[in-house]
Amino acid sequence: MTKIDIISGFLGAGKTTLIKKLLQDAFQGEKVVLIENEFGEIGIDGGFLKDAGIEVTEMNSGCICCSLVGDFATALKEVLDKYEPDRILIEPSGVGKLSDVINAVASIESDKMIINSFTAVVDGIKTKMYMKNFGEFYNNQIEHAKTIVISRSQKLTDEKLEACVSMLREHNDNAAIITTPWDDIDGKQILSAMEQKTNFEEELLDEAKKHLHKHEHHHEHDGECCGHHGHEHDGECCGHHHEHEHDGECCGHHGHEHDGECCGHHHGHEHDGECCGHHHEHEHDGECCGHHHEHEHNGECCGHHDHHADEVFTSWGVETPHKYNKKQIESILTEFSKSDQYGVIIRAKGMVAGEDGEWIYFDFVPGEYEVRTGAPEYTGRLCVIGTNLNEEEINRLFHIE
């Protein structure tokens, strides 16, 4: 299956320079065909009415370069049949609409190819001017890109780079935006962002889910329990999904009778103490404040009803070119530990550009954190996992506008 990568960009944005970097760093060992469409909007520009044909030249990198003349679909199919490449890079005209190119490729019926990525290269210095002067064509490339690569970011001040990202986000809130100067990162990192093989926020959420699932087990405890469903306890329980007996106070939710005070809902079992809880089908010997239990306790219970990680955890994640110093990051992580105004944070992770040119990496779990230096990333990335997250306060803490 041939991967199709569409790399668009306004005139002079740096498409060819980016493609050369990808060929050198990321596509070694692959059979690559580069298709250059010099004729603007597909099917509209007069140049496309010429006779169908493909002009092929060998490039020094070993890549085959094709300049398409004529019907785009016919020419692309011929490339697929003739060369059977691992990857086709399509470099549209600088004034073409990315949406037209994507639609043209998507309309081709072939089981030999798959659209792998569509990327827009933007000149960070000229973004504001081009948005103003060439809005329809320029913004179309930004709005339809899965990844936006900022060129000449090394020539921008921190403030102007952040302003550039903000303008791009107004037109595309979902794309990965590469803000790090190209000389500081490897082409493989750029390709990974283009293909979106990794999602920083999803990775941390997966970690949180795995952590939660470790506690969803069936076992017995002789002491304190913080587990979930289907087991017995002789001590205190703060677990989940239980069916058991209690002779003490209950603050559960459902289905039972009470000899004491009840402030719960839908109860169907007996209590000798106070109840204010949820959906229990059991008796209590101790104090309960849990949900839907299916085991026995001789102590206190404060459990929860068989939650999935998606119900328990929320996440906050951003990409940012903002630069920090080690002291700022340590101060932020300390805030997470000592204050609950940001929510109940169980994990935070990030890699951001440092003010001194180094990149700062950090990991946080409650009670401890690590801050270190690391390799440059395509842009700064931050993620926080927890419950009841106050995103407005977290944004403020990390200076995200």
Protein backbone atom coordinates (compact mmCIF):
# COMPACT_ATOMS: atom_id res chain seq x y z
CA MET A 1 0.00 0.00 0.00
CA THR A 2 1.46 3.34 -1.09
CA LYS A 3 1.25 6.20 1.39
CA ILE A 4 0.19 9.56 -0.03
CA ASP A 5 1.60 12.61 1.76
CA ILE A 6 0.36 16.02 0.58
CA ILE A 7 2.66 18.91 1.51
CA SER A 8 1.17 22.29 0.68
CA GLY A 9 2.36 25.79 1.38
CA PHE A 10 2.05 29.28 0.04
CA LEU A 11 4.61 30.61 -2.40
CA GLY A 12 8.09 30.65 -0.84
CA ALA A 13 6.99 29.04 2.43
CA GLY A 14 9.72 26.39 2.31
CA LYS A 15 7.97 23.27 1.00
CA THR A 16 10.95 22.08 -1.03
CA THR A 17 13.33 22.60 1.89
CA LEU A 18 11.06 20.56 4.15
CA ILE A 19 10.75 17.77 1.57
CA LYS A 20 14.54 17.58 1.23
CA LYS A 21 14.85 17.24 5.02
CA LEU A 22 12.26 14.46 5.09
CA LEU A 23 13.98 12.65 2.22
CA GLN A 24 17.31 12.87 4.02
CA ASP A 25 16.18 12.02 7.57
CA ALA A 26 12.90 10.13 7.44
CA PHE A 27 12.51 8.29 4.14
CA GLN A 28 15.80 6.42 3.95
CA GLY A 29 15.28 2.97 2.48
CA GLU A 30 11.86 3.84 1.03
CA LYS A 31 10.98 4.08 -2.63
CA VAL A 32 9.60 7.60 -2.88
CA VAL A 33 7.99 9.48 -5.76
CA LEU A 34 7.71 13.26 -5.55
CA ILE A 35 4.90 14.74 -7.60
CA GLU A 36 5.00 18.47 -8.26
CA ASN A 37 1.80 20.05 -9.45
CA GLU A 38 2.77 23.32 -11.07
CA PHE A 39 -0.64 24.27 -12.32
CA GLY A 40 -2.65 25.71 -9.47
CA GLU A 41 -6.14 24.47 -8.78
CA ILE A 42 -6.69 20.97 -10.10
CA GLY A 43 -9.01 20.82 -13.13
CA ILE A 44 -9.30 24.61 -13.36
CA ASP A 45 -5.93 26.02 -14.39
CA GLY A 46 -5.43 26.24 -18.14
CA GLY A 47 -2.12 24.36 -17.91
CA PHE A 48 -3.99 21.26 -16.81
CA LEU A 49 -5.78 21.10 -20.15
CA LYS A 50 -2.58 20.07 -21.92
CA ASP A 51 -2.11 16.50 -23.05
CA ALA A 52 -1.80 13.99 -20.22
CA GLY A 53 1.76 12.96 -19.47
CA ILE A 54 4.41 12.56 -16.78
CA GLU A 55 7.89 14.01 -16.98
CA VAL A 56 10.25 12.04 -14.75
CA THR A 57 13.72 13.01 -13.55
CA GLU A 58 16.01 11.33 -11.04
CA MET A 59 17.00 13.40 -8.01
CA ASN A 60 20.30 13.06 -6.17
CA SER A 61 18.55 11.60 -3.14
CA GLY A 62 17.26 8.71 -5.19
CA CYS A 63 13.74 10.11 -5.17
CA ILE A 64 11.88 10.11 -8.48
CA CYS A 65 10.48 13.56 -9.29
CA CYS A 66 7.39 13.80 -11.50
CA SER A 67 5.90 16.98 -12.96
CA LEU A 68 2.29 16.25 -13.80
CA VAL A 69 0.79 17.51 -17.02
CA GLY A 70 -2.81 16.72 -17.78
CA ASP A 71 -5.42 14.79 -15.83
CA PHE A 72 -4.34 14.40 -12.23
CA ALA A 73 -6.10 11.11 -11.54
CA THR A 74 -4.75 9.46 -14.69
CA ALA A 75 -1.23 10.64 -13.98
CA LEU A 76 -1.31 9.54 -10.32
CA LYS A 77 -2.60 6.08 -11.25
CA GLU A 78 0.21 5.79 -13.79
CA VAL A 79 2.75 6.59 -11.09
CA LEU A 80 1.23 3.92 -8.83
CA ASP A 81 1.26 1.29 -11.57
CA LYS A 82 4.63 2.14 -13.08
CA TYR A 83 6.75 2.67 -9.96
CA GLU A 84 4.83 0.91 -7.14
CA PRO A 85 6.42 3.29 -4.61
CA ASP A 86 6.30 3.03 -0.82
CA ARG A 87 5.35 6.67 -0.63
CA ILE A 88 4.19 9.47 -2.91
CA LEU A 89 4.82 13.06 -1.87
CA ILE A 90 2.51 15.55 -3.57
CA GLU A 91 3.70 19.17 -3.62
CA PRO A 92 0.83 21.32 -4.92
CA SER A 93 1.17 24.76 -6.40
CA GLY A 94 1.82 27.51 -3.89
CA VAL A 95 -1.48 29.21 -4.73
CA GLY A 96 -3.60 26.05 -4.87
CA LYS A 97 -6.21 25.09 -2.30
CA LEU A 98 -5.23 22.16 -0.11
CA SER A 99 -8.87 21.05 0.05
CA ASP A 100 -8.94 20.67 -3.75
CA VAL A 101 -5.82 18.51 -3.73
CA ILE A 102 -7.17 16.31 -0.90
CA ASN A 103 -10.50 15.88 -2.70
CA ALA A 104 -8.76 15.06 -5.98
CA VAL A 105 -6.68 12.33 -4.36
CA ALA A 106 -9.61 11.00 -2.32
CA SER A 107 -11.72 10.70 -5.49
CA ILE A 108 -9.29 8.24 -7.06
CA GLU A 109 -10.50 4.67 -6.71
CA SER A 110 -7.48 2.51 -5.99
CA ASP A 111 -6.68 -0.22 -3.51
CA LYS A 112 -2.98 0.52 -3.93
CA MET A 113 -2.85 3.77 -1.97
CA ILE A 114 -3.91 5.44 1.26
CA ILE A 115 -3.90 9.16 2.12
CA ASN A 116 -1.38 9.28 4.94
CA SER A 117 -1.05 12.97 5.78
CA PHE A 118 -1.81 16.49 4.62
CA THR A 119 0.51 19.21 5.82
CA ALA A 120 0.72 22.98 5.38
CA VAL A 121 4.03 24.86 5.54
CA VAL A 122 3.65 28.48 6.65
CA ASP A 123 6.21 31.25 6.80
CA GLY A 124 5.99 32.51 10.37
CA ILE A 125 7.23 35.95 9.39
CA LYS A 126 4.52 36.48 6.77
CA THR A 127 1.54 34.69 8.31
CA LYS A 128 -0.35 37.80 9.38
CA MET A 129 0.20 39.59 6.06
CA TYR A 130 -0.80 36.57 3.96
CA MET A 131 -3.92 35.95 6.03
CA LYS A 132 -4.96 39.53 5.38
CA ASN A 133 -4.05 39.72 1.69
CA PHE A 134 -4.73 36.18 0.44
CA GLY A 135 -7.28 34.96 2.97
CA GLU A 136 -9.27 32.49 0.85
CA PHE A 137 -6.32 30.55 -0.56
CA TYR A 138 -3.95 30.95 2.36
CA ASN A 139 -6.46 30.09 5.07
CA ASN A 140 -7.71 27.08 3.11
CA GLN A 141 -4.29 25.46 3.43
CA ILE A 142 -4.26 26.08 7.18
CA GLU A 143 -7.85 24.97 7.78
CA HIS A 144 -7.47 21.61 6.02
CA ALA A 145 -4.04 20.60 7.31
CA LYS A 146 -3.56 17.84 9.87
CA THR A 147 -0.14 19.30 10.63
CA ILE A 148 1.14 22.87 10.24
CA VAL A 149 4.89 23.41 9.95
CA ILE A 150 6.11 26.93 10.72
CA SER A 151 9.19 27.90 8.74
CA ARG A 152 11.71 30.55 9.82
CA SER A 153 10.52 30.32 13.42
CA GLN A 154 14.11 30.94 14.53
CA LYS A 155 13.79 34.49 13.19
CA LEU A 156 10.74 35.28 15.32
CA THR A 157 10.74 36.67 18.84
CA ASP A 158 8.99 34.53 21.45
CA GLU A 159 6.05 36.95 21.45
CA LYS A 160 5.66 36.92 17.67
CA LEU A 161 5.91 33.13 17.51
CA GLU A 162 3.15 32.76 20.10
CA ALA A 163 1.05 35.32 18.21
CA CYS A 164 1.59 33.35 15.00
CA VAL A 165 0.44 30.12 16.65
CA SER A 166 -2.60 31.91 18.06
CA MET A 167 -3.60 33.13 14.57
CA LEU A 168 -3.19 29.63 13.15
CA ARG A 169 -5.27 28.15 15.97
CA GLU A 170 -8.13 30.49 15.08
CA HIS A 171 -8.39 28.65 11.76
CA ASN A 172 -7.40 25.15 12.89
CA ASP A 173 -7.70 24.10 16.51
CA ASN A 174 -6.83 20.44 15.95
CA ALA A 175 -3.68 20.40 13.85
CA ALA A 176 -0.28 19.65 15.32
CA ILE A 177 1.81 22.82 14.91
CA ILE A 178 5.58 22.46 14.58
CA THR A 179 7.20 25.57 16.07
CA THR A 180 10.76 24.39 16.75
CA PRO A 181 13.38 25.55 14.19
CA TRP A 182 13.94 22.79 11.66
CA ASP A 183 17.67 22.68 12.29
CA ASP A 184 17.02 21.72 15.91
CA ILE A 185 14.92 18.63 15.19
CA ASP A 186 15.18 15.51 13.07
CA GLY A 187 13.04 14.86 10.01
CA LYS A 188 11.71 11.74 11.74
CA GLN A 189 10.19 13.93 14.45
CA ILE A 190 8.50 16.05 11.80
CA LEU A 191 7.17 12.93 10.05
CA SER A 192 5.85 11.56 13.34
CA ALA A 193 3.90 14.79 13.85
CA MET A 194 2.65 14.70 10.25
CA GLU A 195 1.43 11.12 10.64
CA GLN A 196 0.23 11.84 14.18
CA LYS A 197 1.43 8.46 15.37
CA THR A 198 1.60 9.69 18.93
CA ASN A 199 -0.86 11.79 20.88
CA PHE A 200 0.71 13.08 24.06
CA GLU A 201 -2.60 13.52 25.87
CA GLU A 202 -3.88 10.09 24.84
CA GLU A 203 -0.65 8.46 26.01
CA LEU A 204 -1.07 9.86 29.52
CA LEU A 205 -4.75 8.94 29.60
CA ASP A 206 -3.83 5.38 28.65
CA GLU A 207 -1.36 5.30 31.53
CA ALA A 208 -4.07 6.49 33.90
CA LYS A 209 -6.49 3.84 32.61
CA LYS A 210 -3.94 1.08 33.08
CA HIS A 211 -3.29 2.31 36.61
CA LEU A 212 -7.02 2.22 37.37
CA HIS A 213 -7.49 -1.23 35.86
CA LYS A 214 -4.81 -2.64 38.13
CA HIS A 215 -7.14 -1.91 41.03
CA GLU A 216 -10.18 -3.49 39.43
CA HIS A 217 -9.57 -6.95 40.89
CA HIS A 218 -11.15 -9.66 42.98
CA HIS A 219 -9.28 -10.40 46.18
CA GLU A 220 -9.46 -10.41 49.94
CA HIS A 221 -8.08 -7.89 52.38
CA ASP A 222 -7.34 -8.18 56.07
CA GLY A 223 -6.71 -4.46 56.39
CA GLU A 224 -7.58 -1.28 54.58
CA CYS A 225 -8.96 -1.61 51.06
CA CYS A 226 -8.88 0.86 48.21
CA GLY A 227 -9.91 -1.64 45.54
CA HIS A 228 -12.94 -2.46 43.51
CA HIS A 229 -15.64 -5.08 43.40
CA GLY A 230 -16.23 -8.61 44.28
CA HIS A 231 -14.16 -9.37 47.42
CA GLU A 232 -14.21 -9.50 51.22
CA HIS A 233 -12.73 -7.15 53.78
CA ASP A 234 -12.03 -7.34 57.46
CA GLY A 235 -10.92 -3.72 57.62
CA GLU A 236 -11.67 -0.40 56.09
CA CYS A 237 -12.81 -0.34 52.48
CA CYS A 238 -12.81 2.45 49.95
CA GLY A 239 -13.45 0.26 46.94
CA HIS A 240 -15.95 -0.17 44.17
CA HIS A 241 -18.92 -2.29 43.08
CA HIS A 242 -19.68 -4.30 46.20
CA GLU A 243 -22.42 -6.63 47.41
CA HIS A 244 -21.94 -7.10 51.14
CA GLU A 245 -23.28 -6.65 54.61
CA HIS A 246 -22.99 -3.69 56.95
CA ASP A 247 -24.24 -3.22 60.49
CA GLY A 248 -23.14 0.38 60.76
CA GLU A 249 -23.65 3.67 59.08
CA CYS A 250 -24.25 3.78 55.36
CA CYS A 251 -24.01 6.68 52.97
CA GLY A 252 -24.69 4.58 49.90
CA HIS A 253 -27.46 5.22 47.27
CA HIS A 254 -30.19 2.66 46.74
CA GLY A 255 -32.48 -0.17 47.30
CA HIS A 256 -32.75 -0.99 51.05
CA GLU A 257 -34.49 -0.34 54.37
CA HIS A 258 -33.17 1.57 57.34
CA ASP A 259 -33.58 1.52 61.08
CA GLY A 260 -31.85 4.86 61.24
CA GLU A 261 -31.74 8.03 59.27
CA CYS A 262 -31.73 7.76 55.48
CA CYS A 263 -30.92 10.40 52.89
CA GLY A 264 -30.30 8.08 49.97
CA HIS A 265 -32.02 6.89 46.85
CA HIS A 266 -33.41 3.62 45.54
CA HIS A 267 -32.61 1.36 48.48
CA GLY A 268 -33.27 -2.36 48.74
CA HIS A 269 -31.60 -3.68 51.89
CA GLU A 270 -31.39 -3.20 55.61
CA HIS A 271 -29.25 -1.00 57.82
CA ASP A 272 -28.89 -0.69 61.54
CA GLY A 273 -27.33 2.71 61.18
CA GLU A 274 -27.52 5.87 59.15
CA CYS A 275 -27.70 5.73 55.34
CA CYS A 276 -27.16 8.33 52.64
CA GLY A 277 -25.82 6.24 49.79
CA HIS A 278 -26.27 4.58 46.44
CA HIS A 279 -27.74 1.35 45.05
CA HIS A 280 -26.80 -1.24 47.67
CA GLU A 281 -28.01 -4.83 47.74
CA HIS A 282 -26.59 -5.85 51.06
CA GLU A 283 -26.35 -5.38 54.79
CA HIS A 284 -23.73 -3.38 56.64
CA ASP A 285 -21.70 -4.07 59.73
CA GLY A 286 -19.73 -0.84 59.47
CA GLU A 287 -19.92 2.60 58.02
CA CYS A 288 -20.48 2.80 54.28
CA CYS A 289 -20.29 5.68 51.85
CA GLY A 290 -19.93 3.66 48.68
CA HIS A 291 -21.72 2.65 45.56
CA HIS A 292 -23.07 -0.66 44.28
CA HIS A 293 -21.17 -3.12 46.46
CA GLU A 294 -21.05 -6.90 46.13
CA HIS A 295 -19.02 -8.20 49.07
CA GLU A 296 -18.77 -8.26 52.82
CA HIS A 297 -17.20 -5.73 55.15
CA ASN A 298 -16.62 -5.75 58.85
CA GLY A 299 -15.20 -2.25 58.70
CA GLU A 300 -15.77 1.05 57.05
CA CYS A 301 -16.58 1.35 53.36
CA CYS A 302 -16.24 4.43 51.18
CA GLY A 303 -16.21 2.86 47.73
CA HIS A 304 -17.40 3.71 44.27
CA HIS A 305 -19.48 2.09 41.62
CA ASP A 306 -17.33 0.24 39.05
CA HIS A 307 -16.18 3.30 37.14
CA HIS A 308 -14.38 3.24 33.85
CA ALA A 309 -11.27 5.40 33.50
CA ASP A 310 -13.06 7.60 30.96
CA GLU A 311 -15.60 8.44 33.66
CA VAL A 312 -13.02 9.01 36.38
CA PHE A 313 -10.28 10.98 34.65
CA THR A 314 -10.26 14.10 32.53
CA SER A 315 -7.29 15.58 30.74
CA TRP A 316 -5.92 18.97 29.79
CA GLY A 317 -3.38 19.12 27.00
CA VAL A 318 -1.87 21.89 24.90
CA GLU A 319 0.91 22.49 22.43
CA THR A 320 2.80 25.73 22.98
CA PRO A 321 5.93 27.54 21.79
CA HIS A 322 6.13 29.38 25.13
CA LYS A 323 9.57 29.25 26.75
CA TYR A 324 10.11 28.47 30.43
CA ASN A 325 12.96 28.09 32.87
CA LYS A 326 13.56 25.25 35.30
CA LYS A 327 12.56 27.35 38.30
CA GLN A 328 9.17 28.17 36.74
CA ILE A 329 8.44 24.51 36.02
CA GLU A 330 9.41 23.45 39.54
CA SER A 331 7.18 26.18 40.97
CA ILE A 332 4.24 24.96 38.85
CA LEU A 333 4.70 21.35 39.95
CA THR A 334 4.97 22.43 43.58
CA GLU A 335 1.66 24.25 43.16
CA PHE A 336 0.07 21.03 41.92
CA SER A 337 1.16 19.28 45.11
CA LYS A 338 0.10 21.86 47.66
CA SER A 339 -3.10 23.30 46.20
CA ASP A 340 -6.38 21.78 45.08
CA GLN A 341 -7.46 24.85 43.11
CA TYR A 342 -6.30 23.09 39.91
CA GLY A 343 -8.25 19.89 40.60
CA VAL A 344 -7.09 16.49 41.82
CA ILE A 345 -4.00 15.93 39.68
CA ILE A 346 -2.63 12.40 39.45
CA ARG A 347 -0.18 12.89 36.59
CA ALA A 348 1.43 15.69 34.63
CA LYS A 349 4.05 15.49 31.94
CA GLY A 350 5.64 17.86 29.49
CA MET A 351 8.50 18.90 27.29
CA VAL A 352 8.94 22.60 26.62
CA ALA A 353 11.51 24.96 25.18
CA GLY A 354 13.77 26.56 27.76
CA GLU A 355 14.77 30.20 27.89
CA ASP A 356 18.44 29.19 27.73
CA GLY A 357 18.02 27.14 24.54
CA GLU A 358 17.81 23.80 26.36
CA TRP A 359 14.59 21.78 26.38
CA ILE A 360 12.96 21.06 29.74
CA TYR A 361 11.24 17.73 30.39
CA PHE A 362 9.17 17.02 33.50
CA ASP A 363 7.14 14.23 35.09
CA PHE A 364 4.78 14.69 38.03
CA VAL A 365 2.87 12.32 40.28
CA PRO A 366 1.39 13.33 43.64
CA GLY A 367 4.14 13.93 46.15
CA GLU A 368 7.08 13.89 43.74
CA TYR A 369 8.30 15.23 40.43
CA GLU A 370 11.32 15.15 38.14
CA VAL A 371 12.65 17.99 35.99
CA ARG A 372 15.44 17.32 33.49
CA THR A 373 16.78 18.45 30.12
CA GLY A 374 16.05 16.58 26.90
CA ALA A 375 16.15 16.68 23.12
CA PRO A 376 14.17 19.33 21.23
CA GLU A 377 10.62 18.42 20.21
CA TYR A 378 8.68 19.81 17.25
CA THR A 379 6.88 22.13 19.70
CA GLY A 380 6.29 22.36 23.43
CA ARG A 381 3.72 19.89 24.76
CA LEU A 382 1.97 19.82 28.13
CA CYS A 383 -0.54 17.40 29.59
CA VAL A 384 -2.30 17.07 32.95
CA ILE A 385 -4.48 14.12 34.01
CA GLY A 386 -6.83 14.11 37.00
CA THR A 387 -10.35 14.71 38.22
CA ASN A 388 -12.28 17.98 38.43
CA LEU A 389 -9.54 19.80 36.54
CA ASN A 390 -9.78 23.59 36.57
CA GLU A 391 -8.56 24.26 33.04
CA GLU A 392 -8.72 28.03 33.40
CA GLU A 393 -6.38 27.96 36.39
CA ILE A 394 -4.03 25.45 34.74
CA ASN A 395 -3.85 27.67 31.65
CA ARG A 396 -3.01 30.62 33.85
CA LEU A 397 -0.34 28.66 35.72
CA PHE A 398 1.42 27.65 32.49
CA HIS A 399 0.96 31.12 30.92
CA ILE A 400 -1.27 29.75 28.15
CA GLU A 401 -3.50 32.41 26.65
